[in-house]
Amino acid sequence: MEGEFDYKDIVLGKKYKDAVTGFIGTATAKAEYQFDHPSIQLESMVDGKPAREWYSLPRISRAYV
């Protein structure tokens, strides 16, 4: 998959991209689960409104914008 790093490698405040939707946003939260992939919340402005979505870690890669 896109993301080839661990949960601990995600730095809040850095930009990441979801491989499926192409959404690029700033990591503002992360959640770790016992029986599933960790999730990362990305936030960005979409059409002048704040948008935030949770994405599974394997779908995430660093965005250099």
Protein backbone atom coordinates (compact mmCIF):
# COMPACT_ATOMS: atom_id res chain seq x y z
CA MET A 1 0.00 0.00 0.00
CA GLU A 2 0.89 3.66 -0.06
CA GLY A 3 1.83 4.19 3.57
CA GLU A 4 4.99 2.31 4.42
CA PHE A 5 5.41 3.60 7.97
CA ASP A 6 4.18 2.87 11.46
CA TYR A 7 1.69 4.65 13.70
CA LYS A 8 4.56 6.20 15.66
CA ASP A 9 5.92 7.75 12.44
CA ILE A 10 2.82 9.93 11.96
CA VAL A 11 3.61 13.46 13.12
CA LEU A 12 0.64 15.62 14.08
CA GLY A 13 0.78 18.93 12.24
CA LYS A 14 2.36 17.44 9.09
CA LYS A 15 0.50 17.01 5.79
CA TYR A 16 -0.57 13.59 4.51
CA LYS A 17 -2.50 12.28 1.52
CA ASP A 18 -5.09 9.51 1.28
CA ALA A 19 -4.26 7.18 -1.63
CA VAL A 20 -7.90 6.32 -2.38
CA THR A 21 -9.60 9.74 -2.35
CA GLY A 22 -6.60 12.00 -2.95
CA PHE A 23 -7.61 14.09 0.10
CA ILE A 24 -4.64 16.07 1.44
CA GLY A 25 -4.78 17.45 4.94
CA THR A 26 -2.97 18.10 8.17
CA ALA A 27 -2.83 15.23 10.67
CA THR A 28 -4.68 16.45 13.76
CA ALA A 29 -5.42 13.19 15.59
CA LYS A 30 -4.53 9.53 15.53
CA ALA A 31 -6.17 6.47 17.04
CA GLU A 32 -4.74 3.04 17.72
CA TYR A 33 -6.96 -0.05 17.92
CA GLN A 34 -6.38 -3.52 19.30
CA PHE A 35 -7.75 -5.45 16.29
CA ASP A 36 -7.61 -3.03 13.35
CA HIS A 37 -5.26 -0.66 11.55
CA PRO A 38 -4.56 2.67 13.27
CA SER A 39 -6.52 5.65 11.92
CA ILE A 40 -5.35 9.17 11.21
CA GLN A 41 -7.60 12.23 11.13
CA LEU A 42 -6.76 14.71 8.38
CA GLU A 43 -8.15 18.24 8.30
CA SER A 44 -8.22 20.72 5.44
CA MET A 45 -10.36 23.48 3.92
CA VAL A 46 -12.74 22.26 1.17
CA ASP A 47 -14.81 24.86 -0.70
CA GLY A 48 -14.04 27.39 2.05
CA LYS A 49 -15.27 25.10 4.82
CA PRO A 50 -13.26 23.02 7.27
CA ALA A 51 -13.32 19.29 6.47
CA ARG A 52 -12.01 16.47 8.62
CA GLU A 53 -11.97 12.77 7.86
CA TRP A 54 -10.49 9.62 9.41
CA TYR A 55 -8.34 7.37 7.22
CA SER A 56 -6.78 3.96 7.79
CA LEU A 57 -3.00 4.17 8.18
CA PRO A 58 -2.12 1.88 5.20
CA ARG A 59 -3.86 4.38 2.87
CA ILE A 60 -1.81 7.38 4.05
CA SER A 61 1.41 8.79 2.63
CA ARG A 62 3.33 12.01 3.32
CA ALA A 63 2.24 14.96 1.18
CA TYR A 64 4.92 17.44 0.23
CA VAL A 65 2.95 20.56 -0.72
